[in-house]
């Protein structure tokens, strides 16, 4: 979780298209999770890709320690 927050704030937030992606994500994902979050197929669909992304980011030096979100 901390890794993804750092990636959002330090990488995605640096470009207009990264910020647009984050805005879209926060606009769409709560509804999707509300509808499908308790289903096994939804969790299985996203678990492996997110775990791989976190592993790749950590291998590139993005930390996984507690983090205070940046305001942007």
C-alpha atoms as a PDB file:
ATOM      1  CA  UNK A   1       0.000   0.000   0.000  1.00  0.00           C
ATOM      2  CA  UNK A   2       2.760   2.465   0.920  1.00  0.00           C
ATOM      3  CA  UNK A   3       4.623   1.580  -2.242  1.00  0.00           C
ATOM      4  CA  UNK A   4       1.635   2.413  -4.423  1.00  0.00           C
ATOM      5  CA  UNK A   5       1.075   5.710  -2.623  1.00  0.00           C
ATOM      6  CA  UNK A   6       4.685   6.728  -3.181  1.00  0.00           C
ATOM      7  CA  UNK A   7       4.405   5.755  -6.850  1.00  0.00           C
ATOM      8  CA  UNK A   8       1.252   7.850  -7.172  1.00  0.00           C
ATOM      9  CA  UNK A   9       2.773  10.914  -5.519  1.00  0.00           C
ATOM     10  CA  UNK A  10       6.344  10.711  -6.832  1.00  0.00           C
ATOM     11  CA  UNK A  11       5.751   9.433 -10.362  1.00  0.00           C
ATOM     12  CA  UNK A  12       2.150   9.673 -11.552  1.00  0.00           C
ATOM     13  CA  UNK A  13       1.549  13.114 -10.058  1.00  0.00           C
ATOM     14  CA  UNK A  14       4.520  14.519 -11.966  1.00  0.00           C
ATOM     15  CA  UNK A  15       2.722  14.516 -15.336  1.00  0.00           C
ATOM     16  CA  UNK A  16      -0.672  15.736 -16.482  1.00  0.00           C
ATOM     17  CA  UNK A  17      -1.617  12.303 -17.824  1.00  0.00           C
ATOM     18  CA  UNK A  18      -0.521  10.663 -14.568  1.00  0.00           C
ATOM     19  CA  UNK A  19      -2.706  13.055 -12.595  1.00  0.00           C
ATOM     20  CA  UNK A  20      -5.584  12.404 -15.018  1.00  0.00           C
ATOM     21  CA  UNK A  21      -5.181   8.655 -14.467  1.00  0.00           C
ATOM     22  CA  UNK A  22      -5.233   9.111 -10.684  1.00  0.00           C
ATOM     23  CA  UNK A  23      -8.369  11.282 -10.896  1.00  0.00           C
ATOM     24  CA  UNK A  24     -10.073   8.693 -13.102  1.00  0.00           C
ATOM     25  CA  UNK A  25      -9.019   5.896 -10.746  1.00  0.00           C
ATOM     26  CA  UNK A  26     -10.470   7.681  -7.707  1.00  0.00           C
ATOM     27  CA  UNK A  27     -13.662   8.490  -9.607  1.00  0.00           C
ATOM     28  CA  UNK A  28     -14.281   4.930 -10.824  1.00  0.00           C
ATOM     29  CA  UNK A  29     -12.700   2.517  -8.359  1.00  0.00           C
ATOM     30  CA  UNK A  30     -14.895   3.175  -5.282  1.00  0.00           C
ATOM     31  CA  UNK A  31     -17.983   2.247  -7.282  1.00  0.00           C
ATOM     32  CA  UNK A  32     -16.370  -0.886  -8.691  1.00  0.00           C
ATOM     33  CA  UNK A  33     -15.243  -1.978  -5.248  1.00  0.00           C
ATOM     34  CA  UNK A  34     -18.681  -1.289  -3.812  1.00  0.00           C
ATOM     35  CA  UNK A  35     -20.281  -3.434  -6.521  1.00  0.00           C
ATOM     36  CA  UNK A  36     -17.737  -6.243  -6.794  1.00  0.00           C
ATOM     37  CA  UNK A  37     -15.275  -5.925  -3.904  1.00  0.00           C
ATOM     38  CA  UNK A  38     -16.671  -8.857  -1.954  1.00  0.00           C
ATOM     39  CA  UNK A  39     -16.508 -11.282  -4.875  1.00  0.00           C
ATOM     40  CA  UNK A  40     -13.671 -13.757  -5.258  1.00  0.00           C
ATOM     41  CA  UNK A  41     -13.390 -13.328  -9.024  1.00  0.00           C
ATOM     42  CA  UNK A  42     -12.839  -9.560  -8.660  1.00  0.00           C
ATOM     43  CA  UNK A  43     -10.168 -10.009  -6.012  1.00  0.00           C
ATOM     44  CA  UNK A  44      -8.419 -12.707  -8.055  1.00  0.00           C
ATOM     45  CA  UNK A  45      -8.563 -10.517 -11.152  1.00  0.00           C
ATOM     46  CA  UNK A  46      -6.608  -7.691  -9.519  1.00  0.00           C
ATOM     47  CA  UNK A  47      -4.492  -9.364  -6.812  1.00  0.00           C
ATOM     48  CA  UNK A  48      -1.723 -10.799  -9.017  1.00  0.00           C
ATOM     49  CA  UNK A  49      -1.235  -7.729 -11.277  1.00  0.00           C
ATOM     50  CA  UNK A  50      -1.094  -5.424  -8.254  1.00  0.00           C
ATOM     51  CA  UNK A  51       1.323  -7.728  -6.415  1.00  0.00           C
ATOM     52  CA  UNK A  52       3.569  -7.789  -9.504  1.00  0.00           C
ATOM     53  CA  UNK A  53       3.437  -4.009  -9.832  1.00  0.00           C
ATOM     54  CA  UNK A  54       4.379  -3.557  -6.168  1.00  0.00           C
ATOM     55  CA  UNK A  55       7.263  -6.031  -6.537  1.00  0.00           C
ATOM     56  CA  UNK A  56       8.586  -4.213  -9.605  1.00  0.00           C
ATOM     57  CA  UNK A  57       8.324  -0.818  -7.929  1.00  0.00           C
ATOM     58  CA  UNK A  58      10.110  -2.081  -4.825  1.00  0.00           C
ATOM     59  CA  UNK A  59      12.846  -3.621  -6.992  1.00  0.00           C
ATOM     60  CA  UNK A  60      13.319  -0.144  -8.508  1.00  0.00           C
ATOM     61  CA  UNK A  61      13.737   1.368  -5.048  1.00  0.00           C
ATOM     62  CA  UNK A  62      10.239   2.576  -4.170  1.00  0.00           C
ATOM     63  CA  UNK A  63       9.987   2.092  -0.411  1.00  0.00           C
ATOM     64  CA  UNK A  64       7.259   0.221   1.443  1.00  0.00           C
ATOM     65  CA  UNK A  65       7.577   2.005   4.780  1.00  0.00           C
ATOM     66  CA  UNK A  66       4.782   4.154   6.274  1.00  0.00           C
ATOM     67  CA  UNK A  67       4.219   7.269   4.242  1.00  0.00           C
ATOM     68  CA  UNK A  68       2.411  10.574   4.579  1.00  0.00           C
ATOM     69  CA  UNK A  69       0.464  11.333   1.394  1.00  0.00           C
ATOM     70  CA  UNK A  70       1.511  14.442  -0.504  1.00  0.00           C
ATOM     71  CA  UNK A  71      -1.120  17.036  -1.282  1.00  0.00           C
ATOM     72  CA  UNK A  72      -1.142  17.785  -5.003  1.00  0.00           C
END
